PDB file of N, CA and C in Angstrom:
ATOM      1  N   MET A   1     209.619 207.104  99.987  1.00  0.00           N
ATOM      2  CA  MET A   1     209.484 205.842  99.283  1.00  0.00           C
ATOM      3  C   MET A   1     209.321 204.716 100.299  1.00  0.00           C
ATOM      4  N   ALA A   2     208.422 203.810 100.030  1.00  0.00           N
ATOM      5  CA  ALA A   2     208.128 202.709 100.952  1.00  0.00           C
ATOM      6  C   ALA A   2     209.269 201.699 100.957  1.00  0.00           C
ATOM      7  N   ALA A   3     209.547 201.161 102.129  1.00  0.00           N
ATOM      8  CA  ALA A   3     210.537 200.090 102.284  1.00  0.00           C
ATOM      9  C   ALA A   3     209.787 198.772 102.382  1.00  0.00           C
ATOM     10  N   THR A   4     210.263 197.778 101.651  1.00  0.00           N
ATOM     11  CA  THR A   4     209.665 196.452 101.717  1.00  0.00           C
ATOM     12  C   THR A   4     210.458 195.617 102.709  1.00  0.00           C
ATOM     13  N   ILE A   5     209.775 195.097 103.710  1.00  0.00           N
ATOM     14  CA  ILE A   5     210.415 194.263 104.737  1.00  0.00           C
ATOM     15  C   ILE A   5     210.262 192.810 104.304  1.00  0.00           C
ATOM     16  N   LYS A   6     211.389 192.092 104.292  1.00  0.00           N
ATOM     17  CA  LYS A   6     211.411 190.712 103.815  1.00  0.00           C
ATOM     18  C   LYS A   6     211.766 189.752 104.938  1.00  0.00           C
ATOM     19  N   SER A   7     211.385 188.516 104.759  1.00  0.00           N
ATOM     20  CA  SER A   7     211.695 187.465 105.723  1.00  0.00           C
ATOM     21  C   SER A   7     213.161 187.069 105.600  1.00  0.00           C
ATOM     22  N   GLU A   8     213.833 186.934 106.729  1.00  0.00           N
ATOM     23  CA  GLU A   8     215.230 186.510 106.715  1.00  0.00           C
ATOM     24  C   GLU A   8     215.360 184.996 106.663  1.00  0.00           C
ATOM     25  N   MET A   9     214.259 184.282 106.923  1.00  0.00           N
ATOM     26  CA  MET A   9     214.301 182.819 106.898  1.00  0.00           C
ATOM     27  C   MET A   9     212.945 182.268 106.503  1.00  0.00           C
ATOM     28  N   ALA A  10     212.936 181.006 106.126  1.00  0.00           N
ATOM     29  CA  ALA A  10     211.687 180.339 105.772  1.00  0.00           C
ATOM     30  C   ALA A  10     210.896 180.049 107.041  1.00  0.00           C
ATOM     31  N   GLY A  11     209.585 180.058 106.934  1.00  0.00           N
ATOM     32  CA  GLY A  11     208.738 179.760 108.083  1.00  0.00           C
ATOM     33  C   GLY A  11     207.271 179.921 107.737  1.00  0.00           C
ATOM     34  N   VAL A  12     206.453 179.959 108.776  1.00  0.00           N
ATOM     35  CA  VAL A  12     205.005 180.119 108.625  1.00  0.00           C
ATOM     36  C   VAL A  12     204.579 181.357 109.411  1.00  0.00           C
ATOM     37  N   ILE A  13     203.738 182.171 108.797  1.00  0.00           N
ATOM     38  CA  ILE A  13     203.235 183.371 109.470  1.00  0.00           C
ATOM     39  C   ILE A  13     202.265 182.931 110.564  1.00  0.00           C
ATOM     40  N   GLN A  14     202.603 183.275 111.813  1.00  0.00           N
ATOM     41  CA  GLN A  14     201.735 182.916 112.937  1.00  0.00           C
ATOM     42  C   GLN A  14     200.682 183.986 113.169  1.00  0.00           C
ATOM     43  N   SER A  15     201.122 185.250 113.202  1.00  0.00           N
ATOM     44  CA  SER A  15     200.167 186.326 113.450  1.00  0.00           C
ATOM     45  C   SER A  15     200.664 187.633 112.855  1.00  0.00           C
ATOM     46  N   ILE A  16     199.717 188.545 112.679  1.00  0.00           N
ATOM     47  CA  ILE A  16     200.011 189.889 112.188  1.00  0.00           C
ATOM     48  C   ILE A  16     199.576 190.847 113.284  1.00  0.00           C
ATOM     49  N   GLU A  17     200.515 191.646 113.762  1.00  0.00           N
ATOM     50  CA  GLU A  17     200.295 192.494 114.929  1.00  0.00           C
ATOM     51  C   GLU A  17     200.010 193.956 114.589  1.00  0.00           C
ATOM     52  N   ALA A  18     199.998 194.311 113.313  1.00  0.00           N
ATOM     53  CA  ALA A  18     199.748 195.694 112.900  1.00  0.00           C
ATOM     54  C   ALA A  18     198.826 195.675 111.684  1.00  0.00           C
ATOM     55  N   ALA A  19     198.222 196.804 111.412  1.00  0.00           N
ATOM     56  CA  ALA A  19     197.287 196.914 110.291  1.00  0.00           C
ATOM     57  C   ALA A  19     197.760 198.001 109.324  1.00  0.00           C
ATOM     58  N   PRO A  20     197.374 197.907 108.060  1.00  0.00           N
ATOM     59  CA  PRO A  20     197.717 198.972 107.112  1.00  0.00           C
ATOM     60  C   PRO A  20     197.236 200.327 107.633  1.00  0.00           C
ATOM     61  N   GLY A  21     198.100 201.317 107.493  1.00  0.00           N
ATOM     62  CA  GLY A  21     197.783 202.659 107.963  1.00  0.00           C
ATOM     63  C   GLY A  21     198.221 202.939 109.384  1.00  0.00           C
ATOM     64  N   GLN A  22     198.592 201.906 110.129  1.00  0.00           N
ATOM     65  CA  GLN A  22     199.002 202.071 111.527  1.00  0.00           C
ATOM     66  C   GLN A  22     200.406 202.664 111.597  1.00  0.00           C
ATOM     67  N   SER A  23     200.597 203.631 112.481  1.00  0.00           N
ATOM     68  CA  SER A  23     201.924 204.206 112.713  1.00  0.00           C
ATOM     69  C   SER A  23     202.748 203.241 113.546  1.00  0.00           C
ATOM     70  N   VAL A  24     204.041 203.114 113.192  1.00  0.00           N
ATOM     71  CA  VAL A  24     204.932 202.211 113.907  1.00  0.00           C
ATOM     72  C   VAL A  24     206.281 202.878 114.143  1.00  0.00           C
ATOM     73  N   ALA A  25     206.955 202.452 115.205  1.00  0.00           N
ATOM     74  CA  ALA A  25     208.342 202.833 115.465  1.00  0.00           C
ATOM     75  C   ALA A  25     209.226 201.734 114.867  1.00  0.00           C
ATOM     76  N   ALA A  26     210.494 202.008 114.713  1.00  0.00           N
ATOM     77  CA  ALA A  26     211.410 201.065 114.074  1.00  0.00           C
ATOM     78  C   ALA A  26     211.429 199.700 114.750  1.00  0.00           C
ATOM     79  N   GLU A  27     211.279 199.664 116.064  1.00  0.00           N
ATOM     80  CA  GLU A  27     211.387 198.403 116.802  1.00  0.00           C
ATOM     81  C   GLU A  27     210.033 197.730 117.057  1.00  0.00           C
ATOM     82  N   ASP A  28     208.955 198.285 116.533  1.00  0.00           N
ATOM     83  CA  ASP A  28     207.629 197.692 116.734  1.00  0.00           C
ATOM     84  C   ASP A  28     207.479 196.371 115.979  1.00  0.00           C
ATOM     85  N   GLU A  29     206.921 195.370 116.668  1.00  0.00           N
ATOM     86  CA  GLU A  29     206.670 194.060 116.070  1.00  0.00           C
ATOM     87  C   GLU A  29     205.468 194.156 115.136  1.00  0.00           C
ATOM     88  N   VAL A  30     205.632 193.668 113.918  1.00  0.00           N
ATOM     89  CA  VAL A  30     204.549 193.718 112.936  1.00  0.00           C
ATOM     90  C   VAL A  30     204.031 192.313 112.639  1.00  0.00           C
ATOM     91  N   ILE A  31     204.926 191.355 112.518  1.00  0.00           N
ATOM     92  CA  ILE A  31     204.559 189.972 112.184  1.00  0.00           C
ATOM     93  C   ILE A  31     205.309 189.022 113.099  1.00  0.00           C
ATOM     94  N   VAL A  32     204.665 187.907 113.433  1.00  0.00           N
ATOM     95  CA  VAL A  32     205.344 186.825 114.147  1.00  0.00           C
ATOM     96  C   VAL A  32     205.453 185.652 113.180  1.00  0.00           C
ATOM     97  N   LEU A  33     206.695 185.220 112.956  1.00  0.00           N
ATOM     98  CA  LEU A  33     207.007 184.114 112.057  1.00  0.00           C
ATOM     99  C   LEU A  33     207.451 182.928 112.902  1.00  0.00           C
ATOM    100  N   VAL A  34     206.991 181.731 112.570  1.00  0.00           N
ATOM    101  CA  VAL A  34     207.435 180.521 113.267  1.00  0.00           C
ATOM    102  C   VAL A  34     208.361 179.769 112.328  1.00  0.00           C
ATOM    103  N   SER A  35     209.564 179.501 112.830  1.00  0.00           N
ATOM    104  CA  SER A  35     210.547 178.753 112.063  1.00  0.00           C
ATOM    105  C   SER A  35     211.305 177.848 113.028  1.00  0.00           C
ATOM    106  N   MET A  36     211.419 176.581 112.698  1.00  0.00           N
ATOM    107  CA  MET A  36     212.107 175.600 113.538  1.00  0.00           C
ATOM    108  C   MET A  36     211.574 175.629 114.974  1.00  0.00           C
ATOM    109  N   LYS A  37     210.246 175.729 115.109  1.00  0.00           N
ATOM    110  CA  LYS A  37     209.526 175.734 116.389  1.00  0.00           C
ATOM    111  C   LYS A  37     209.840 176.944 117.268  1.00  0.00           C
ATOM    112  N   MET A  38     210.400 177.999 116.673  1.00  0.00           N
ATOM    113  CA  MET A  38     210.673 179.232 117.406  1.00  0.00           C
ATOM    114  C   MET A  38     209.819 180.359 116.841  1.00  0.00           C
ATOM    115  N   GLU A  39     209.315 181.220 117.726  1.00  0.00           N
ATOM    116  CA  GLU A  39     208.586 182.411 117.297  1.00  0.00           C
ATOM    117  C   GLU A  39     209.593 183.528 117.066  1.00  0.00           C
ATOM    118  N   ILE A  40     209.585 184.086 115.869  1.00  0.00           N
ATOM    119  CA  ILE A  40     210.531 185.127 115.515  1.00  0.00           C
ATOM    120  C   ILE A  40     209.764 186.400 115.184  1.00  0.00           C
ATOM    121  N   PRO A  41     209.952 187.457 115.988  1.00  0.00           N
ATOM    122  CA  PRO A  41     209.264 188.715 115.684  1.00  0.00           C
ATOM    123  C   PRO A  41     209.920 189.413 114.497  1.00  0.00           C
ATOM    124  N   ILE A  42     209.109 189.899 113.595  1.00  0.00           N
ATOM    125  CA  ILE A  42     209.582 190.699 112.464  1.00  0.00           C
ATOM    126  C   ILE A  42     209.169 192.133 112.766  1.00  0.00           C
ATOM    127  N   VAL A  43     210.150 193.013 112.896  1.00  0.00           N
ATOM    128  CA  VAL A  43     209.881 194.396 113.286  1.00  0.00           C
ATOM    129  C   VAL A  43     209.824 195.313 112.070  1.00  0.00           C
ATOM    130  N   ALA A  44     209.299 196.504 112.288  1.00  0.00           N
ATOM    131  CA  ALA A  44     209.123 197.469 111.202  1.00  0.00           C
ATOM    132  C   ALA A  44     210.450 197.874 110.563  1.00  0.00           C
ATOM    133  N   GLY A  45     211.503 197.979 111.347  1.00  0.00           N
ATOM    134  CA  GLY A  45     212.805 198.333 110.791  1.00  0.00           C
ATOM    135  C   GLY A  45     213.032 199.818 110.609  1.00  0.00           C
ATOM    136  N   ARG A  46     211.967 200.576 110.601  1.00  0.00           N
ATOM    137  CA  ARG A  46     212.058 202.041 110.506  1.00  0.00           C
ATOM    138  C   ARG A  46     210.732 202.630 110.958  1.00  0.00           C
ATOM    139  N   ALA A  47     210.775 203.848 111.410  1.00  0.00           N
ATOM    140  CA  ALA A  47     209.548 204.521 111.838  1.00  0.00           C
ATOM    141  C   ALA A  47     208.754 204.924 110.598  1.00  0.00           C
ATOM    142  N   GLY A  48     207.453 204.862 110.723  1.00  0.00           N
ATOM    143  CA  GLY A  48     206.593 205.258 109.611  1.00  0.00           C
ATOM    144  C   GLY A  48     205.196 204.720 109.789  1.00  0.00           C
ATOM    145  N   ARG A  49     204.603 204.347 108.662  1.00  0.00           N
ATOM    146  CA  ARG A  49     203.233 203.860 108.647  1.00  0.00           C
ATOM    147  C   ARG A  49     203.206 202.576 107.821  1.00  0.00           C
ATOM    148  N   ILE A  50     202.491 201.569 108.315  1.00  0.00           N
ATOM    149  CA  ILE A  50     202.371 200.323 107.571  1.00  0.00           C
ATOM    150  C   ILE A  50     201.622 200.609 106.274  1.00  0.00           C
ATOM    151  N   GLY A  51     202.220 200.232 105.158  1.00  0.00           N
ATOM    152  CA  GLY A  51     201.585 200.451 103.860  1.00  0.00           C
ATOM    153  C   GLY A  51     200.703 199.281 103.487  1.00  0.00           C
ATOM    154  N   GLU A  52     201.313 198.163 103.171  1.00  0.00           N
ATOM    155  CA  GLU A  52     200.586 196.999 102.700  1.00  0.00           C
ATOM    156  C   GLU A  52     201.124 195.758 103.405  1.00  0.00           C
ATOM    157  N   ILE A  53     200.227 194.896 103.843  1.00  0.00           N
ATOM    158  CA  ILE A  53     200.601 193.598 104.410  1.00  0.00           C
ATOM    159  C   ILE A  53     200.455 192.588 103.267  1.00  0.00           C
ATOM    160  N   LEU A  54     201.526 191.892 102.951  1.00  0.00           N
ATOM    161  CA  LEU A  54     201.555 191.026 101.768  1.00  0.00           C
ATOM    162  C   LEU A  54     201.348 189.550 102.076  1.00  0.00           C
ATOM    163  N   VAL A  55     201.153 189.210 103.346  1.00  0.00           N
ATOM    164  CA  VAL A  55     200.960 187.817 103.761  1.00  0.00           C
ATOM    165  C   VAL A  55     199.773 187.727 104.706  1.00  0.00           C
ATOM    166  N   GLU A  56     199.347 186.496 104.984  1.00  0.00           N
ATOM    167  CA  GLU A  56     198.261 186.239 105.927  1.00  0.00           C
ATOM    168  C   GLU A  56     198.698 185.159 106.900  1.00  0.00           C
ATOM    169  N   PRO A  57     198.093 185.114 108.091  1.00  0.00           N
ATOM    170  CA  PRO A  57     198.425 184.037 109.027  1.00  0.00           C
ATOM    171  C   PRO A  57     198.227 182.670 108.356  1.00  0.00           C
ATOM    172  N   GLY A  58     199.187 181.793 108.584  1.00  0.00           N
ATOM    173  CA  GLY A  58     199.140 180.461 107.996  1.00  0.00           C
ATOM    174  C   GLY A  58     199.933 180.336 106.706  1.00  0.00           C
ATOM    175  N   ASP A  59     200.308 181.464 106.107  1.00  0.00           N
ATOM    176  CA  ASP A  59     201.102 181.418 104.871  1.00  0.00           C
ATOM    177  C   ASP A  59     202.496 180.883 105.162  1.00  0.00           C
ATOM    178  N   ALA A  60     202.979 179.989 104.311  1.00  0.00           N
ATOM    179  CA  ALA A  60     204.373 179.538 104.365  1.00  0.00           C
ATOM    180  C   ALA A  60     205.179 180.486 103.477  1.00  0.00           C
ATOM    181  N   VAL A  61     206.292 180.987 104.000  1.00  0.00           N
ATOM    182  CA  VAL A  61     207.127 181.916 103.236  1.00  0.00           C
ATOM    183  C   VAL A  61     208.552 181.385 103.153  1.00  0.00           C
ATOM    184  N   LYS A  62     209.224 181.754 102.089  1.00  0.00           N
ATOM    185  CA  LYS A  62     210.626 181.400 101.894  1.00  0.00           C
ATOM    186  C   LYS A  62     211.493 182.556 102.373  1.00  0.00           C
ATOM    187  N   ALA A  63     212.760 182.290 102.603  1.00  0.00           N
ATOM    188  CA  ALA A  63     213.705 183.356 102.937  1.00  0.00           C
ATOM    189  C   ALA A  63     213.709 184.358 101.791  1.00  0.00           C
ATOM    190  N   GLY A  64     213.632 185.638 102.123  1.00  0.00           N
ATOM    191  CA  GLY A  64     213.626 186.694 101.118  1.00  0.00           C
ATOM    192  C   GLY A  64     212.249 187.084 100.628  1.00  0.00           C
ATOM    193  N   ALA A  65     211.203 186.413 101.128  1.00  0.00           N
ATOM    194  CA  ALA A  65     209.840 186.743 100.703  1.00  0.00           C
ATOM    195  C   ALA A  65     209.426 188.103 101.264  1.00  0.00           C
ATOM    196  N   ALA A  66     208.760 188.915 100.459  1.00  0.00           N
ATOM    197  CA  ALA A  66     208.255 190.212 100.905  1.00  0.00           C
ATOM    198  C   ALA A  66     207.091 189.982 101.870  1.00  0.00           C
ATOM    199  N   LEU A  67     207.129 190.664 103.028  1.00  0.00           N
ATOM    200  CA  LEU A  67     206.112 190.499 104.059  1.00  0.00           C
ATOM    201  C   LEU A  67     205.172 191.691 104.157  1.00  0.00           C
ATOM    202  N   PHE A  68     205.748 192.909 104.187  1.00  0.00           N
ATOM    203  CA  PHE A  68     204.950 194.124 104.306  1.00  0.00           C
ATOM    204  C   PHE A  68     205.776 195.319 103.904  1.00  0.00           C
ATOM    205  N   THR A  69     205.108 196.461 103.743  1.00  0.00           N
ATOM    206  CA  THR A  69     205.814 197.693 103.404  1.00  0.00           C
ATOM    207  C   THR A  69     205.627 198.712 104.533  1.00  0.00           C
ATOM    208  N   VAL A  70     206.647 199.567 104.677  1.00  0.00           N
ATOM    209  CA  VAL A  70     206.588 200.666 105.648  1.00  0.00           C
ATOM    210  C   VAL A  70     206.830 201.953 104.871  1.00  0.00           C
ATOM    211  N   GLU A  71     205.887 202.876 104.976  1.00  0.00           N
ATOM    212  CA  GLU A  71     206.000 204.162 104.310  1.00  0.00           C
ATOM    213  C   GLU A  71     206.522 205.202 105.296  1.00  0.00           C
ATOM    214  N   PRO A  72     207.297 206.160 104.830  1.00  0.00           N
ATOM    215  CA  PRO A  72     207.846 207.202 105.741  1.00  0.00           C
ATOM    216  C   PRO A  72     206.746 208.082 106.332  1.00  0.00           C
TER     217      PRO A  72
END
């Protein structure tokens, strides 16, 4: 079952470092979020394959917003 990775804080998506279908390790950076002038890496959280990217660079997100899914 796919895990949905959510934002822990509000911010703006700066970049997306992985693509759907790409294999990732738990500590691999998938998205870079900018919040309070700091770049915050959002990691996969578990090993698997990127399922769906739910945001685009420039999107403003709230805390708890779904960012992407990781499939086993």
